[in-house]
Amino acid sequence: MRAVSGIVRKRRVKKILGMAKGYYGSHSKQMKQAKEAVTRALNYAYRDRRQKKRMMRRLWSIRINAGCRPLGISYSRFINGLKRANIMLNRKSLSNLAIYDYKAFEAVVEAAKKALV
């Protein structure tokens, strides 16, 4: 009797179609279309997990700049002042300060300004 890939193939198909659940039309029903759609989706997911980190850092920089400008300093001079003042705060925490605790952010900006002089 020849070996047909019964259970192995069923498991593989079930796995792919399970991952393609909710896809439009034949992309969730037929193996060939589902496999292509799932492969593409996994590639996008892999790429975008890395892009998300870049986008968040850009967003934090924009928020910090928006908080700095009314206080009379640009983003690049502010970051330079922080480095000179040995203030080790990352952009995420600086962004949160600028949004949620502006008084504390003003104090950090003043410290950075003093270090620049």
C-alpha atoms as a PDB file:
ATOM      1  CA  MET A   1       0.000   0.000   0.000  1.00  0.00           C
ATOM      2  CA  ARG A   2       1.397   3.406  -0.911  1.00  0.00           C
ATOM      3  CA  ALA A   3       1.798   6.085   1.740  1.00  0.00           C
ATOM      4  CA  VAL A   4      -0.490   9.056   1.256  1.00  0.00           C
ATOM      5  CA  SER A   5       0.189  12.024   3.485  1.00  0.00           C
ATOM      6  CA  GLY A   6      -3.138  11.754   5.259  1.00  0.00           C
ATOM      7  CA  ILE A   7      -2.848  13.026   8.822  1.00  0.00           C
ATOM      8  CA  VAL A   8       0.300  15.077   8.142  1.00  0.00           C
ATOM      9  CA  ARG A   9      -1.306  16.907   5.246  1.00  0.00           C
ATOM     10  CA  LYS A  10      -4.568  17.443   7.135  1.00  0.00           C
ATOM     11  CA  ARG A  11      -2.670  18.992  10.044  1.00  0.00           C
ATOM     12  CA  ARG A  12      -0.722  21.280   7.724  1.00  0.00           C
ATOM     13  CA  VAL A  13      -3.845  22.409   5.864  1.00  0.00           C
ATOM     14  CA  LYS A  14      -5.724  22.894   9.127  1.00  0.00           C
ATOM     15  CA  LYS A  15      -2.871  24.995  10.517  1.00  0.00           C
ATOM     16  CA  ILE A  16      -2.679  27.271   7.456  1.00  0.00           C
ATOM     17  CA  LEU A  17      -6.456  27.653   7.121  1.00  0.00           C
ATOM     18  CA  GLY A  18      -6.682  28.376  10.837  1.00  0.00           C
ATOM     19  CA  MET A  19      -4.163  31.180  10.450  1.00  0.00           C
ATOM     20  CA  ALA A  20      -6.102  32.498   7.445  1.00  0.00           C
ATOM     21  CA  LYS A  21      -9.402  32.580   9.313  1.00  0.00           C
ATOM     22  CA  GLY A  22     -11.234  35.830   8.637  1.00  0.00           C
ATOM     23  CA  TYR A  23      -9.405  36.554   5.391  1.00  0.00           C
ATOM     24  CA  TYR A  24     -11.498  37.695   2.426  1.00  0.00           C
ATOM     25  CA  GLY A  25     -13.051  35.186   0.023  1.00  0.00           C
ATOM     26  CA  SER A  26     -10.978  32.241  -1.132  1.00  0.00           C
ATOM     27  CA  HIS A  27      -8.013  33.475   0.912  1.00  0.00           C
ATOM     28  CA  SER A  28      -9.607  31.809   3.927  1.00  0.00           C
ATOM     29  CA  LYS A  29     -10.994  28.742   2.125  1.00  0.00           C
ATOM     30  CA  GLN A  30      -8.534  27.421  -0.464  1.00  0.00           C
ATOM     31  CA  MET A  31      -5.114  26.143   0.517  1.00  0.00           C
ATOM     32  CA  LYS A  32      -3.071  27.797  -2.230  1.00  0.00           C
ATOM     33  CA  GLN A  33      -4.536  31.277  -1.747  1.00  0.00           C
ATOM     34  CA  ALA A  34      -4.524  30.904   2.033  1.00  0.00           C
ATOM     35  CA  LYS A  35      -0.863  29.862   2.093  1.00  0.00           C
ATOM     36  CA  GLU A  36       0.156  32.874  -0.009  1.00  0.00           C
ATOM     37  CA  ALA A  37      -1.929  35.239   2.119  1.00  0.00           C
ATOM     38  CA  VAL A  38      -0.587  33.839   5.406  1.00  0.00           C
ATOM     39  CA  THR A  39       3.016  33.976   4.175  1.00  0.00           C
ATOM     40  CA  ARG A  40       2.583  37.585   3.126  1.00  0.00           C
ATOM     41  CA  ALA A  41       0.849  38.459   6.411  1.00  0.00           C
ATOM     42  CA  LEU A  42       3.643  36.886   8.469  1.00  0.00           C
ATOM     43  CA  ASN A  43       6.250  38.810   6.471  1.00  0.00           C
ATOM     44  CA  TYR A  44       4.401  42.093   7.063  1.00  0.00           C
ATOM     45  CA  ALA A  45       4.027  41.290  10.761  1.00  0.00           C
ATOM     46  CA  TYR A  46       7.771  40.595  11.074  1.00  0.00           C
ATOM     47  CA  ARG A  47       8.684  43.808   9.255  1.00  0.00           C
ATOM     48  CA  ASP A  48       6.178  45.966  11.108  1.00  0.00           C
ATOM     49  CA  ARG A  49       7.248  44.808  14.567  1.00  0.00           C
ATOM     50  CA  ARG A  50      10.535  46.525  13.794  1.00  0.00           C
ATOM     51  CA  GLN A  51       8.959  49.542  12.114  1.00  0.00           C
ATOM     52  CA  LYS A  52       6.726  50.059  15.148  1.00  0.00           C
ATOM     53  CA  LYS A  53       9.810  50.701  17.291  1.00  0.00           C
ATOM     54  CA  ARG A  54      11.073  53.300  14.808  1.00  0.00           C
ATOM     55  CA  MET A  55       7.698  54.992  14.601  1.00  0.00           C
ATOM     56  CA  MET A  56       7.368  55.204  18.381  1.00  0.00           C
ATOM     57  CA  ARG A  57      10.804  56.802  18.711  1.00  0.00           C
ATOM     58  CA  ARG A  58       9.840  59.360  16.041  1.00  0.00           C
ATOM     59  CA  LEU A  59       6.598  60.085  17.875  1.00  0.00           C
ATOM     60  CA  TRP A  60       8.431  60.584  21.176  1.00  0.00           C
ATOM     61  CA  SER A  61      10.868  62.995  19.503  1.00  0.00           C
ATOM     62  CA  ILE A  62       7.981  64.989  18.004  1.00  0.00           C
ATOM     63  CA  ARG A  63       6.261  65.226  21.399  1.00  0.00           C
ATOM     64  CA  ILE A  64       9.469  66.304  23.132  1.00  0.00           C
ATOM     65  CA  ASN A  65      10.052  68.970  20.478  1.00  0.00           C
ATOM     66  CA  ALA A  66       6.468  70.205  20.874  1.00  0.00           C
ATOM     67  CA  GLY A  67       7.063  70.505  24.618  1.00  0.00           C
ATOM     68  CA  CYS A  68      10.423  72.251  24.217  1.00  0.00           C
ATOM     69  CA  ARG A  69       9.473  74.933  21.689  1.00  0.00           C
ATOM     70  CA  PRO A  70       7.239  77.003  24.013  1.00  0.00           C
ATOM     71  CA  LEU A  71      10.103  76.988  26.545  1.00  0.00           C
ATOM     72  CA  GLY A  72      12.462  78.568  24.013  1.00  0.00           C
ATOM     73  CA  ILE A  73      14.694  75.651  23.065  1.00  0.00           C
ATOM     74  CA  SER A  74      14.816  73.313  20.087  1.00  0.00           C
ATOM     75  CA  TYR A  75      14.773  69.535  20.331  1.00  0.00           C
ATOM     76  CA  SER A  76      18.400  69.074  19.262  1.00  0.00           C
ATOM     77  CA  ARG A  77      19.722  71.698  21.696  1.00  0.00           C
ATOM     78  CA  PHE A  78      17.597  70.163  24.468  1.00  0.00           C
ATOM     79  CA  ILE A  79      19.029  66.673  23.878  1.00  0.00           C
ATOM     80  CA  ASN A  80      22.545  68.139  23.744  1.00  0.00           C
ATOM     81  CA  GLY A  81      21.907  69.951  27.038  1.00  0.00           C
ATOM     82  CA  LEU A  82      20.687  66.731  28.643  1.00  0.00           C
ATOM     83  CA  LYS A  83      23.859  64.934  27.608  1.00  0.00           C
ATOM     84  CA  ARG A  84      26.047  67.737  28.971  1.00  0.00           C
ATOM     85  CA  ALA A  85      24.080  67.833  32.242  1.00  0.00           C
ATOM     86  CA  ASN A  86      24.423  64.029  32.585  1.00  0.00           C
ATOM     87  CA  ILE A  87      20.647  63.606  32.770  1.00  0.00           C
ATOM     88  CA  MET A  88      20.007  60.048  31.674  1.00  0.00           C
ATOM     89  CA  LEU A  89      16.336  60.041  30.648  1.00  0.00           C
ATOM     90  CA  ASN A  90      15.208  58.177  27.566  1.00  0.00           C
ATOM     91  CA  ARG A  91      12.905  59.685  24.964  1.00  0.00           C
ATOM     92  CA  LYS A  92       9.897  57.658  26.072  1.00  0.00           C
ATOM     93  CA  SER A  93      10.034  58.987  29.633  1.00  0.00           C
ATOM     94  CA  LEU A  94      10.733  62.530  28.425  1.00  0.00           C
ATOM     95  CA  SER A  95       7.711  62.288  26.146  1.00  0.00           C
ATOM     96  CA  ASN A  96       5.528  61.110  29.036  1.00  0.00           C
ATOM     97  CA  LEU A  97       6.816  63.983  31.185  1.00  0.00           C
ATOM     98  CA  ALA A  98       5.977  66.480  28.442  1.00  0.00           C
ATOM     99  CA  ILE A  99       2.420  65.132  28.239  1.00  0.00           C
ATOM    100  CA  TYR A 100       1.470  64.223  31.808  1.00  0.00           C
ATOM    101  CA  ASP A 101       3.767  66.261  34.088  1.00  0.00           C
ATOM    102  CA  TYR A 102       4.681  69.484  32.327  1.00  0.00           C
ATOM    103  CA  LYS A 103       6.083  71.137  35.478  1.00  0.00           C
ATOM    104  CA  ALA A 104       8.662  68.370  35.852  1.00  0.00           C
ATOM    105  CA  PHE A 105       9.425  68.624  32.130  1.00  0.00           C
ATOM    106  CA  GLU A 106      10.025  72.382  32.522  1.00  0.00           C
ATOM    107  CA  ALA A 107      12.505  71.630  35.321  1.00  0.00           C
ATOM    108  CA  VAL A 108      14.378  69.178  33.083  1.00  0.00           C
ATOM    109  CA  VAL A 109      14.451  71.768  30.272  1.00  0.00           C
ATOM    110  CA  GLU A 110      15.852  74.404  32.636  1.00  0.00           C
ATOM    111  CA  ALA A 111      18.590  71.986  33.750  1.00  0.00           C
ATOM    112  CA  ALA A 112      19.454  71.312  30.111  1.00  0.00           C
ATOM    113  CA  LYS A 113      19.539  75.043  29.340  1.00  0.00           C
ATOM    114  CA  LYS A 114      21.942  75.678  32.262  1.00  0.00           C
ATOM    115  CA  ALA A 115      24.276  72.950  30.982  1.00  0.00           C
ATOM    116  CA  LEU A 116      24.434  74.601  27.563  1.00  0.00           C
ATOM    117  CA  VAL A 117      25.657  77.970  28.916  1.00  0.00           C
END
